[in-house]
PDB file of N, CA and C in Angstrom:
ATOM      1  N   MET A   1    -227.296 -35.224-199.353  1.00  0.00           N
ATOM      2  CA  MET A   1    -226.269 -35.270-198.622  1.00  0.00           C
ATOM      3  C   MET A   1    -225.791 -37.008-198.958  1.00  0.00           C
ATOM      4  N   LEU A   2    -225.920 -37.644-198.705  1.00  0.00           N
ATOM      5  CA  LEU A   2    -224.864 -39.010-198.405  1.00  0.00           C
ATOM      6  C   LEU A   2    -224.921 -39.702-200.166  1.00  0.00           C
ATOM      7  N   PRO A   3    -225.525 -38.493-201.635  1.00  0.00           N
ATOM      8  CA  PRO A   3    -224.682 -38.575-202.273  1.00  0.00           C
ATOM      9  C   PRO A   3    -223.692 -38.016-202.914  1.00  0.00           C
ATOM     10  N   LEU A   4    -223.305 -37.323-202.159  1.00  0.00           N
ATOM     11  CA  LEU A   4    -222.251 -36.295-201.902  1.00  0.00           C
ATOM     12  C   LEU A   4    -221.269 -37.058-201.140  1.00  0.00           C
ATOM     13  N   LEU A   5    -221.026 -36.939-199.842  1.00  0.00           N
ATOM     14  CA  LEU A   5    -219.886 -37.884-199.632  1.00  0.00           C
ATOM     15  C   LEU A   5    -220.206 -39.296-200.632  1.00  0.00           C
ATOM     16  N   TYR A   6    -221.040 -39.812-201.523  1.00  0.00           N
ATOM     17  CA  TYR A   6    -220.410 -41.244-202.391  1.00  0.00           C
ATOM     18  C   TYR A   6    -219.825 -40.568-202.627  1.00  0.00           C
ATOM     19  N   ALA A   7    -219.566 -39.453-203.743  1.00  0.00           N
ATOM     20  CA  ALA A   7    -218.789 -39.011-204.826  1.00  0.00           C
ATOM     21  C   ALA A   7    -217.538 -38.062-204.210  1.00  0.00           C
ATOM     22  N   PHE A   8    -218.002 -38.014-203.036  1.00  0.00           N
ATOM     23  CA  PHE A   8    -216.456 -37.661-202.450  1.00  0.00           C
ATOM     24  C   PHE A   8    -215.383 -38.825-201.670  1.00  0.00           C
ATOM     25  N   LEU A   9    -215.930 -39.934-201.820  1.00  0.00           N
ATOM     26  CA  LEU A   9    -215.664 -41.476-201.917  1.00  0.00           C
ATOM     27  C   LEU A   9    -214.992 -41.740-203.162  1.00  0.00           C
ATOM     28  N   ALA A  10    -216.118 -41.889-203.807  1.00  0.00           N
ATOM     29  CA  ALA A  10    -215.058 -42.366-205.323  1.00  0.00           C
ATOM     30  C   ALA A  10    -214.382 -41.378-205.537  1.00  0.00           C
ATOM     31  N   LEU A  11    -214.359 -40.366-205.220  1.00  0.00           N
ATOM     32  CA  LEU A  11    -212.912 -39.162-205.797  1.00  0.00           C
ATOM     33  C   LEU A  11    -212.048 -39.814-204.930  1.00  0.00           C
ATOM     34  N   ALA A  12    -212.095 -39.703-203.485  1.00  0.00           N
ATOM     35  CA  ALA A  12    -210.861 -40.171-203.183  1.00  0.00           C
ATOM     36  C   ALA A  12    -210.321 -40.988-202.896  1.00  0.00           C
ATOM     37  N   LEU A  13    -211.300 -42.238-203.697  1.00  0.00           N
ATOM     38  CA  LEU A  13    -210.422 -44.149-204.313  1.00  0.00           C
ATOM     39  C   LEU A  13    -209.466 -43.506-205.589  1.00  0.00           C
ATOM     40  N   VAL A  14    -210.531 -43.192-206.086  1.00  0.00           N
ATOM     41  CA  VAL A  14    -209.721 -43.246-207.639  1.00  0.00           C
ATOM     42  C   VAL A  14    -208.342 -41.734-207.659  1.00  0.00           C
ATOM     43  N   VAL A  15    -208.524 -41.356-206.580  1.00  0.00           N
ATOM     44  CA  VAL A  15    -206.733 -40.388-205.817  1.00  0.00           C
ATOM     45  C   VAL A  15    -205.932 -41.421-205.557  1.00  0.00           C
ATOM     46  N   ILE A  16    -206.180 -41.479-204.389  1.00  0.00           N
ATOM     47  CA  ILE A  16    -205.399 -42.933-203.623  1.00  0.00           C
ATOM     48  C   ILE A  16    -204.815 -44.286-204.786  1.00  0.00           C
ATOM     49  N   LEU A  17    -205.870 -44.329-205.992  1.00  0.00           N
ATOM     50  CA  LEU A  17    -205.774 -45.809-206.974  1.00  0.00           C
ATOM     51  C   LEU A  17    -204.262 -44.619-208.052  1.00  0.00           C
ATOM     52  N   TYR A  18    -204.601 -43.755-207.606  1.00  0.00           N
ATOM     53  CA  TYR A  18    -203.320 -42.720-209.039  1.00  0.00           C
ATOM     54  C   TYR A  18    -202.312 -43.065-208.064  1.00  0.00           C
ATOM     55  N   LEU A  19    -202.285 -42.340-207.005  1.00  0.00           N
ATOM     56  CA  LEU A  19    -201.172 -41.830-206.543  1.00  0.00           C
ATOM     57  C   LEU A  19    -200.320 -43.625-206.242  1.00  0.00           C
ATOM     58  N   THR A  20    -201.283 -44.692-205.392  1.00  0.00           N
ATOM     59  CA  THR A  20    -200.133 -45.280-205.608  1.00  0.00           C
ATOM     60  C   THR A  20    -200.019 -46.436-206.417  1.00  0.00           C
ATOM     61  N   VAL A  21    -201.159 -46.996-206.974  1.00  0.00           N
ATOM     62  CA  VAL A  21    -200.477 -47.538-208.176  1.00  0.00           C
ATOM     63  C   VAL A  21    -200.008 -47.349-209.853  1.00  0.00           C
ATOM     64  N   ILE A  22    -201.024 -45.629-209.769  1.00  0.00           N
ATOM     65  CA  ILE A  22    -200.843 -45.678-211.652  1.00  0.00           C
ATOM     66  C   ILE A  22    -200.031 -45.097-211.826  1.00  0.00           C
ATOM     67  N   ARG A  23    -199.316 -44.085-210.342  1.00  0.00           N
ATOM     68  CA  ARG A  23    -198.667 -43.036-210.775  1.00  0.00           C
ATOM     69  C   ARG A  23    -197.457 -43.670-210.395  1.00  0.00           C
ATOM     70  N   PRO A  24    -196.900 -44.305-209.658  1.00  0.00           N
ATOM     71  CA  PRO A  24    -195.308 -44.340-209.670  1.00  0.00           C
ATOM     72  C   PRO A  24    -195.084 -45.958-210.885  1.00  0.00           C
ATOM     73  N   ARG A  25    -196.142 -46.688-211.713  1.00  0.00           N
ATOM     74  CA  ARG A  25    -195.883 -47.241-212.758  1.00  0.00           C
ATOM     75  C   ARG A  25    -195.370 -46.210-214.051  1.00  0.00           C
ATOM     76  N   GLN A  26    -196.124 -45.122-213.677  1.00  0.00           N
ATOM     77  CA  GLN A  26    -195.860 -44.038-214.697  1.00  0.00           C
ATOM     78  C   GLN A  26    -193.772 -43.227-214.770  1.00  0.00           C
ATOM     79  N   LEU A  27    -194.017 -43.209-214.130  1.00  0.00           N
ATOM     80  CA  LEU A  27    -192.663 -42.642-213.634  1.00  0.00           C
ATOM     81  C   LEU A  27    -191.723 -44.118-213.867  1.00  0.00           C
ATOM     82  N   THR A  28    -191.689 -45.083-214.171  1.00  0.00           N
ATOM     83  CA  THR A  28    -190.475 -45.947-214.148  1.00  0.00           C
ATOM     84  C   THR A  28    -190.898 -46.836-214.634  1.00  0.00           C
ATOM     85  N   TRP A  29    -191.811 -46.444-216.065  1.00  0.00           N
ATOM     86  CA  TRP A  29    -192.323 -47.369-217.495  1.00  0.00           C
ATOM     87  C   TRP A  29    -190.797 -48.216-218.045  1.00  0.00           C
ATOM     88  N   GLY A  30    -191.245 -49.187-218.028  1.00  0.00           N
ATOM     89  CA  GLY A  30    -189.731 -49.825-218.740  1.00  0.00           C
ATOM     90  C   GLY A  30    -188.882 -49.959-218.191  1.00  0.00           C
ATOM     91  N   ALA A  31    -188.568 -49.625-217.225  1.00  0.00           N
ATOM     92  CA  ALA A  31    -187.037 -49.223-216.277  1.00  0.00           C
ATOM     93  C   ALA A  31    -187.662 -50.775-215.273  1.00  0.00           C
ATOM     94  N   THR A  32    -186.111 -51.538-215.171  1.00  0.00           N
ATOM     95  CA  THR A  32    -185.966 -52.562-213.877  1.00  0.00           C
ATOM     96  C   THR A  32    -186.230 -51.283-212.713  1.00  0.00           C
ATOM     97  N   GLN A  33    -186.032 -52.784-211.496  1.00  0.00           N
ATOM     98  CA  GLN A  33    -186.310 -52.212-210.265  1.00  0.00           C
ATOM     99  C   GLN A  33    -184.954 -51.434-210.455  1.00  0.00           C
ATOM    100  N   LYS A  34    -183.639 -51.955-210.523  1.00  0.00           N
ATOM    101  CA  LYS A  34    -182.467 -51.476-210.407  1.00  0.00           C
ATOM    102  C   LYS A  34    -182.165 -50.369-211.046  1.00  0.00           C
ATOM    103  N   GLU A  35    -182.922 -50.210-212.351  1.00  0.00           N
ATOM    104  CA  GLU A  35    -182.893 -49.061-213.056  1.00  0.00           C
ATOM    105  C   GLU A  35    -183.426 -48.152-211.965  1.00  0.00           C
ATOM    106  N   ALA A  36    -184.746 -48.467-211.912  1.00  0.00           N
ATOM    107  CA  ALA A  36    -185.316 -47.352-211.512  1.00  0.00           C
ATOM    108  C   ALA A  36    -185.179 -46.205-209.956  1.00  0.00           C
ATOM    109  N   VAL A  37    -184.310 -47.515-209.635  1.00  0.00           N
ATOM    110  CA  VAL A  37    -183.403 -46.940-208.211  1.00  0.00           C
ATOM    111  C   VAL A  37    -182.003 -46.803-208.122  1.00  0.00           C
ATOM    112  N   GLY A  38    -181.467 -47.194-209.133  1.00  0.00           N
ATOM    113  CA  GLY A  38    -179.967 -46.824-209.582  1.00  0.00           C
ATOM    114  C   GLY A  38    -179.454 -45.151-210.066  1.00  0.00           C
ATOM    115  N   ALA A  39    -177.966 -44.389-209.096  1.00  0.00           N
ATOM    116  CA  ALA A  39    -177.694 -43.623-209.673  1.00  0.00           C
ATOM    117  C   ALA A  39    -177.870 -43.651-211.142  1.00  0.00           C
ATOM    118  N   LEU A  40    -177.911 -42.523-211.819  1.00  0.00           N
ATOM    119  CA  LEU A  40    -177.539 -42.084-213.156  1.00  0.00           C
ATOM    120  C   LEU A  40    -177.023 -41.008-214.050  1.00  0.00           C
ATOM    121  N   PRO A  41    -176.505 -40.990-215.193  1.00  0.00           N
ATOM    122  CA  PRO A  41    -175.455 -38.959-214.910  1.00  0.00           C
ATOM    123  C   PRO A  41    -175.885 -38.631-215.266  1.00  0.00           C
ATOM    124  N   GLY A  42    -175.629 -37.445-214.094  1.00  0.00           N
ATOM    125  CA  GLY A  42    -176.314 -36.300-214.155  1.00  0.00           C
ATOM    126  C   GLY A  42    -176.829 -36.101-213.055  1.00  0.00           C
ATOM    127  N   ASP A  43    -177.045 -37.201-211.882  1.00  0.00           N
ATOM    128  CA  ASP A  43    -177.413 -37.634-210.322  1.00  0.00           C
ATOM    129  C   ASP A  43    -176.952 -36.285-209.116  1.00  0.00           C
ATOM    130  N   ASP A  44    -175.347 -36.304-210.119  1.00  0.00           N
ATOM    131  CA  ASP A  44    -174.414 -35.385-209.152  1.00  0.00           C
ATOM    132  C   ASP A  44    -174.314 -34.132-209.353  1.00  0.00           C
ATOM    133  N   ILE A  45    -175.440 -33.309-210.360  1.00  0.00           N
ATOM    134  CA  ILE A  45    -175.218 -32.398-210.857  1.00  0.00           C
ATOM    135  C   ILE A  45    -176.562 -32.055-209.889  1.00  0.00           C
ATOM    136  N   VAL A  46    -177.570 -32.434-209.384  1.00  0.00           N
ATOM    137  CA  VAL A  46    -179.474 -31.920-209.191  1.00  0.00           C
ATOM    138  C   VAL A  46    -179.371 -32.680-207.588  1.00  0.00           C
ATOM    139  N   LYS A  47    -178.579 -31.965-206.981  1.00  0.00           N
ATOM    140  CA  LYS A  47    -178.859 -32.399-205.347  1.00  0.00           C
ATOM    141  C   LYS A  47    -179.850 -33.091-205.129  1.00  0.00           C
ATOM    142  N   ALA A  48    -180.607 -32.276-205.058  1.00  0.00           N
ATOM    143  CA  ALA A  48    -182.675 -32.689-204.871  1.00  0.00           C
ATOM    144  C   ALA A  48    -183.483 -32.300-205.576  1.00  0.00           C
ATOM    145  N   PRO A  49    -183.748 -33.404-206.320  1.00  0.00           N
ATOM    146  CA  PRO A  49    -184.843 -32.661-207.378  1.00  0.00           C
ATOM    147  C   PRO A  49    -185.719 -32.842-207.463  1.00  0.00           C
ATOM    148  N   HIS A  50    -186.468 -32.063-207.886  1.00  0.00           N
ATOM    149  CA  HIS A  50    -188.383 -31.324-207.450  1.00  0.00           C
ATOM    150  C   HIS A  50    -189.820 -33.100-208.202  1.00  0.00           C
ATOM    151  N   PHE A  51    -188.767 -33.472-208.691  1.00  0.00           N
ATOM    152  CA  PHE A  51    -189.068 -34.749-209.825  1.00  0.00           C
ATOM    153  C   PHE A  51    -188.155 -35.770-210.126  1.00  0.00           C
ATOM    154  N   VAL A  52    -188.576 -37.414-210.242  1.00  0.00           N
ATOM    155  CA  VAL A  52    -187.519 -38.180-210.624  1.00  0.00           C
ATOM    156  C   VAL A  52    -188.441 -39.424-211.519  1.00  0.00           C
ATOM    157  N   ALA A  53    -187.987 -39.275-212.222  1.00  0.00           N
ATOM    158  CA  ALA A  53    -188.903 -40.179-213.392  1.00  0.00           C
ATOM    159  C   ALA A  53    -187.655 -40.697-213.994  1.00  0.00           C
ATOM    160  N   THR A  54    -187.489 -42.310-214.292  1.00  0.00           N
ATOM    161  CA  THR A  54    -186.724 -42.909-214.967  1.00  0.00           C
ATOM    162  C   THR A  54    -187.211 -44.444-216.037  1.00  0.00           C
ATOM    163  N   ARG A  55    -187.740 -43.837-217.068  1.00  0.00           N
ATOM    164  CA  ARG A  55    -188.328 -44.298-218.532  1.00  0.00           C
ATOM    165  C   ARG A  55    -187.439 -45.525-219.127  1.00  0.00           C
ATOM    166  N   ALA A  56    -187.772 -46.826-219.513  1.00  0.00           N
ATOM    167  CA  ALA A  56    -186.206 -46.932-220.286  1.00  0.00           C
ATOM    168  C   ALA A  56    -187.629 -47.955-221.435  1.00  0.00           C
ATOM    169  N   ILE A  57    -186.076 -48.315-222.180  1.00  0.00           N
ATOM    170  CA  ILE A  57    -186.470 -49.703-222.925  1.00  0.00           C
ATOM    171  C   ILE A  57    -185.775 -50.035-223.384  1.00  0.00           C
ATOM    172  N   THR A  58    -185.708 -51.849-224.222  1.00  0.00           N
ATOM    173  CA  THR A  58    -185.066 -52.549-224.042  1.00  0.00           C
ATOM    174  C   THR A  58    -184.528 -52.439-225.499  1.00  0.00           C
ATOM    175  N   ILE A  59    -183.206 -52.553-226.255  1.00  0.00           N
ATOM    176  CA  ILE A  59    -183.691 -53.136-227.576  1.00  0.00           C
ATOM    177  C   ILE A  59    -182.336 -53.993-228.263  1.00  0.00           C
ATOM    178  N   GLN A  60    -182.867 -54.172-229.089  1.00  0.00           N
ATOM    179  CA  GLN A  60    -182.133 -55.872-228.941  1.00  0.00           C
ATOM    180  C   GLN A  60    -180.924 -55.515-230.078  1.00  0.00           C
ATOM    181  N   ALA A  61    -180.263 -54.996-229.720  1.00  0.00           N
ATOM    182  CA  ALA A  61    -178.937 -54.861-230.756  1.00  0.00           C
ATOM    183  C   ALA A  61    -178.017 -54.253-230.005  1.00  0.00           C
ATOM    184  N   PRO A  62    -176.781 -54.084-231.036  1.00  0.00           N
ATOM    185  CA  PRO A  62    -175.786 -53.800-230.447  1.00  0.00           C
ATOM    186  C   PRO A  62    -175.464 -51.540-230.336  1.00  0.00           C
ATOM    187  N   PRO A  63    -175.311 -51.161-229.253  1.00  0.00           N
ATOM    188  CA  PRO A  63    -175.309 -49.490-229.601  1.00  0.00           C
ATOM    189  C   PRO A  63    -174.474 -48.816-231.111  1.00  0.00           C
ATOM    190  N   ALA A  64    -173.546 -49.842-231.371  1.00  0.00           N
ATOM    191  CA  ALA A  64    -172.954 -49.376-232.571  1.00  0.00           C
ATOM    192  C   ALA A  64    -174.274 -49.027-233.647  1.00  0.00           C
ATOM    193  N   GLU A  65    -175.048 -50.252-233.792  1.00  0.00           N
ATOM    194  CA  GLU A  65    -176.260 -50.397-234.685  1.00  0.00           C
ATOM    195  C   GLU A  65    -177.710 -49.419-234.608  1.00  0.00           C
ATOM    196  N   VAL A  66    -177.099 -49.031-232.393  1.00  0.00           N
ATOM    197  CA  VAL A  66    -178.437 -48.260-232.535  1.00  0.00           C
ATOM    198  C   VAL A  66    -178.054 -46.641-232.627  1.00  0.00           C
ATOM    199  N   TRP A  67    -177.053 -46.384-232.254  1.00  0.00           N
ATOM    200  CA  TRP A  67    -176.039 -44.693-233.069  1.00  0.00           C
ATOM    201  C   TRP A  67    -176.524 -44.496-234.231  1.00  0.00           C
ATOM    202  N   GLN A  68    -176.384 -45.117-235.379  1.00  0.00           N
ATOM    203  CA  GLN A  68    -176.584 -44.716-236.682  1.00  0.00           C
ATOM    204  C   GLN A  68    -178.113 -44.412-237.011  1.00  0.00           C
ATOM    205  N   TRP A  69    -179.558 -44.644-235.399  1.00  0.00           N
ATOM    206  CA  TRP A  69    -180.022 -44.299-235.798  1.00  0.00           C
ATOM    207  C   TRP A  69    -180.771 -43.292-234.851  1.00  0.00           C
ATOM    208  N   LEU A  70    -179.676 -43.358-233.867  1.00  0.00           N
ATOM    209  CA  LEU A  70    -180.092 -41.709-232.678  1.00  0.00           C
ATOM    210  C   LEU A  70    -179.760 -40.550-233.152  1.00  0.00           C
ATOM    211  N   VAL A  71    -177.963 -40.954-233.419  1.00  0.00           N
ATOM    212  CA  VAL A  71    -177.370 -39.675-234.645  1.00  0.00           C
ATOM    213  C   VAL A  71    -178.277 -38.790-235.756  1.00  0.00           C
ATOM    214  N   GLN A  72    -179.294 -39.931-236.068  1.00  0.00           N
ATOM    215  CA  GLN A  72    -180.248 -38.688-237.848  1.00  0.00           C
ATOM    216  C   GLN A  72    -181.230 -38.370-236.926  1.00  0.00           C
ATOM    217  N   ILE A  73    -181.660 -38.244-235.729  1.00  0.00           N
ATOM    218  CA  ILE A  73    -182.230 -38.063-234.951  1.00  0.00           C
ATOM    219  C   ILE A  73    -182.913 -36.395-235.333  1.00  0.00           C
ATOM    220  N   GLY A  74    -184.260 -36.067-235.155  1.00  0.00           N
ATOM    221  CA  GLY A  74    -184.484 -34.509-235.505  1.00  0.00           C
ATOM    222  C   GLY A  74    -185.170 -34.188-236.559  1.00  0.00           C
ATOM    223  N   SER A  75    -185.131 -32.670-236.554  1.00  0.00           N
ATOM    224  CA  SER A  75    -186.328 -31.697-237.429  1.00  0.00           C
ATOM    225  C   SER A  75    -185.538 -31.397-238.492  1.00  0.00           C
ATOM    226  N   ARG A  76    -185.556 -31.094-239.572  1.00  0.00           N
ATOM    227  CA  ARG A  76    -184.666 -30.776-240.797  1.00  0.00           C
ATOM    228  C   ARG A  76    -183.660 -32.210-241.018  1.00  0.00           C
ATOM    229  N   ARG A  77    -184.289 -32.849-240.488  1.00  0.00           N
ATOM    230  CA  ARG A  77    -182.972 -34.062-240.099  1.00  0.00           C
ATOM    231  C   ARG A  77    -183.599 -35.253-240.998  1.00  0.00           C
ATOM    232  N   ALA A  78    -183.721 -36.358-240.136  1.00  0.00           N
ATOM    233  CA  ALA A  78    -184.657 -37.914-240.580  1.00  0.00           C
ATOM    234  C   ALA A  78    -186.102 -37.926-239.114  1.00  0.00           C
ATOM    235  N   GLY A  79    -186.650 -36.902-239.035  1.00  0.00           N
ATOM    236  CA  GLY A  79    -187.915 -37.110-238.385  1.00  0.00           C
ATOM    237  C   GLY A  79    -186.967 -37.506-236.976  1.00  0.00           C
ATOM    238  N   TRP A  80    -188.557 -38.093-236.416  1.00  0.00           N
ATOM    239  CA  TRP A  80    -188.223 -38.304-234.553  1.00  0.00           C
ATOM    240  C   TRP A  80    -188.708 -39.637-235.001  1.00  0.00           C
ATOM    241  N   TYR A  81    -188.765 -40.540-235.632  1.00  0.00           N
ATOM    242  CA  TYR A  81    -189.473 -41.898-235.405  1.00  0.00           C
ATOM    243  C   TYR A  81    -190.807 -41.196-234.478  1.00  0.00           C
ATOM    244  N   SER A  82    -191.170 -40.974-235.238  1.00  0.00           N
ATOM    245  CA  SER A  82    -192.891 -41.115-233.547  1.00  0.00           C
ATOM    246  C   SER A  82    -194.045 -41.313-234.733  1.00  0.00           C
ATOM    247  N   LEU A  83    -195.267 -41.132-234.459  1.00  0.00           N
ATOM    248  CA  LEU A  83    -195.959 -41.016-234.680  1.00  0.00           C
ATOM    249  C   LEU A  83    -196.037 -39.606-235.684  1.00  0.00           C
ATOM    250  N   ASP A  84    -195.753 -39.822-237.203  1.00  0.00           N
ATOM    251  CA  ASP A  84    -195.289 -38.743-238.314  1.00  0.00           C
ATOM    252  C   ASP A  84    -196.076 -37.745-238.488  1.00  0.00           C
ATOM    253  N   PHE A  85    -197.797 -38.081-238.672  1.00  0.00           N
ATOM    254  CA  PHE A  85    -198.905 -37.010-237.882  1.00  0.00           C
ATOM    255  C   PHE A  85    -199.270 -35.990-237.173  1.00  0.00           C
ATOM    256  N   ILE A  86    -198.405 -36.686-236.083  1.00  0.00           N
ATOM    257  CA  ILE A  86    -198.380 -36.052-234.011  1.00  0.00           C
ATOM    258  C   ILE A  86    -197.340 -35.046-234.512  1.00  0.00           C
ATOM    259  N   ASP A  87    -196.294 -35.536-234.545  1.00  0.00           N
ATOM    260  CA  ASP A  87    -195.099 -34.309-234.528  1.00  0.00           C
ATOM    261  C   ASP A  87    -194.400 -33.989-235.638  1.00  0.00           C
ATOM    262  N   ASN A  88    -194.298 -34.056-236.979  1.00  0.00           N
ATOM    263  CA  ASN A  88    -193.555 -34.411-238.302  1.00  0.00           C
ATOM    264  C   ASN A  88    -194.794 -33.386-239.387  1.00  0.00           C
ATOM    265  N   GLY A  89    -196.032 -33.115-238.366  1.00  0.00           N
ATOM    266  CA  GLY A  89    -196.537 -32.224-239.698  1.00  0.00           C
ATOM    267  C   GLY A  89    -196.870 -33.095-241.085  1.00  0.00           C
ATOM    268  N   ASN A  90    -197.287 -34.558-240.783  1.00  0.00           N
ATOM    269  CA  ASN A  90    -197.149 -35.399-241.684  1.00  0.00           C
ATOM    270  C   ASN A  90    -196.052 -35.582-242.557  1.00  0.00           C
ATOM    271  N   VAL A  91    -194.846 -34.944-242.252  1.00  0.00           N
ATOM    272  CA  VAL A  91    -193.573 -35.687-243.110  1.00  0.00           C
ATOM    273  C   VAL A  91    -192.823 -36.593-242.539  1.00  0.00           C
ATOM    274  N   PRO A  92    -192.835 -37.694-243.387  1.00  0.00           N
ATOM    275  CA  PRO A  92    -192.446 -39.236-242.975  1.00  0.00           C
ATOM    276  C   PRO A  92    -191.416 -39.224-242.017  1.00  0.00           C
ATOM    277  N   SER A  93    -191.427 -39.864-241.381  1.00  0.00           N
ATOM    278  CA  SER A  93    -189.539 -40.192-240.593  1.00  0.00           C
ATOM    279  C   SER A  93    -189.210 -40.712-241.699  1.00  0.00           C
ATOM    280  N   SER A  94    -187.501 -40.921-241.825  1.00  0.00           N
ATOM    281  CA  SER A  94    -186.678 -42.353-243.003  1.00  0.00           C
ATOM    282  C   SER A  94    -186.844 -43.375-241.688  1.00  0.00           C
ATOM    283  N   ARG A  95    -186.776 -44.042-242.687  1.00  0.00           N
ATOM    284  CA  ARG A  95    -187.252 -45.901-242.539  1.00  0.00           C
ATOM    285  C   ARG A  95    -185.653 -46.070-243.488  1.00  0.00           C
ATOM    286  N   ASP A  96    -184.775 -45.521-243.374  1.00  0.00           N
ATOM    287  CA  ASP A  96    -183.023 -46.010-243.575  1.00  0.00           C
ATOM    288  C   ASP A  96    -181.927 -44.854-242.814  1.00  0.00           C
ATOM    289  N   ILE A  97    -180.952 -45.134-242.880  1.00  0.00           N
ATOM    290  CA  ILE A  97    -179.846 -44.707-242.205  1.00  0.00           C
ATOM    291  C   ILE A  97    -179.402 -43.675-243.259  1.00  0.00           C
ATOM    292  N   LEU A  98    -179.122 -42.718-243.202  1.00  0.00           N
ATOM    293  CA  LEU A  98    -179.262 -41.305-243.496  1.00  0.00           C
ATOM    294  C   LEU A  98    -177.683 -40.653-243.488  1.00  0.00           C
ATOM    295  N   PRO A  99    -176.680 -41.128-244.670  1.00  0.00           N
ATOM    296  CA  PRO A  99    -175.031 -41.152-243.901  1.00  0.00           C
ATOM    297  C   PRO A  99    -175.030 -39.984-244.140  1.00  0.00           C
ATOM    298  N   GLN A 100    -175.634 -38.885-244.427  1.00  0.00           N
ATOM    299  CA  GLN A 100    -175.318 -37.150-244.550  1.00  0.00           C
ATOM    300  C   GLN A 100    -175.590 -36.645-243.148  1.00  0.00           C
ATOM    301  N   PHE A 101    -175.785 -37.579-242.669  1.00  0.00           N
ATOM    302  CA  PHE A 101    -176.501 -37.187-240.896  1.00  0.00           C
ATOM    303  C   PHE A 101    -175.555 -37.340-240.087  1.00  0.00           C
ATOM    304  N   HIS A 102    -174.348 -38.206-240.323  1.00  0.00           N
ATOM    305  CA  HIS A 102    -173.014 -39.373-239.802  1.00  0.00           C
ATOM    306  C   HIS A 102    -172.002 -38.545-239.647  1.00  0.00           C
ATOM    307  N   ARG A 103    -171.646 -37.233-239.977  1.00  0.00           N
ATOM    308  CA  ARG A 103    -170.490 -36.175-240.460  1.00  0.00           C
ATOM    309  C   ARG A 103    -170.626 -35.583-239.229  1.00  0.00           C
ATOM    310  N   TYR A 104    -169.705 -34.985-238.278  1.00  0.00           N
ATOM    311  CA  TYR A 104    -168.725 -34.964-237.267  1.00  0.00           C
ATOM    312  C   TYR A 104    -169.118 -33.410-237.354  1.00  0.00           C
ATOM    313  N   ARG A 105    -169.287 -32.304-236.933  1.00  0.00           N
ATOM    314  CA  ARG A 105    -169.363 -31.113-237.366  1.00  0.00           C
ATOM    315  C   ARG A 105    -168.678 -29.716-236.346  1.00  0.00           C
TER     316      ARG A 105
END
């Protein structure tokens, strides 16, 4: 009976650690405290969300430079800029700006 109690206590400790330390960090990965608690576009649309996560990265480049890469993201475009062997069927993502994806439709 004692080993079962120890197993239960160990499991309870892992769950508490996950819920109080690990999960909050996962939900705000890369975001500053201000970003994590601040209002974001669309917050006024969903009044009582069931799930809230704010993840962020800092890019040391002006928005116009970043936009060139964002506008060409996608399947049958420049790719997903991820691990190509995972999401692209081993088709490499572009390493260049591709002008054909920068036209408005």
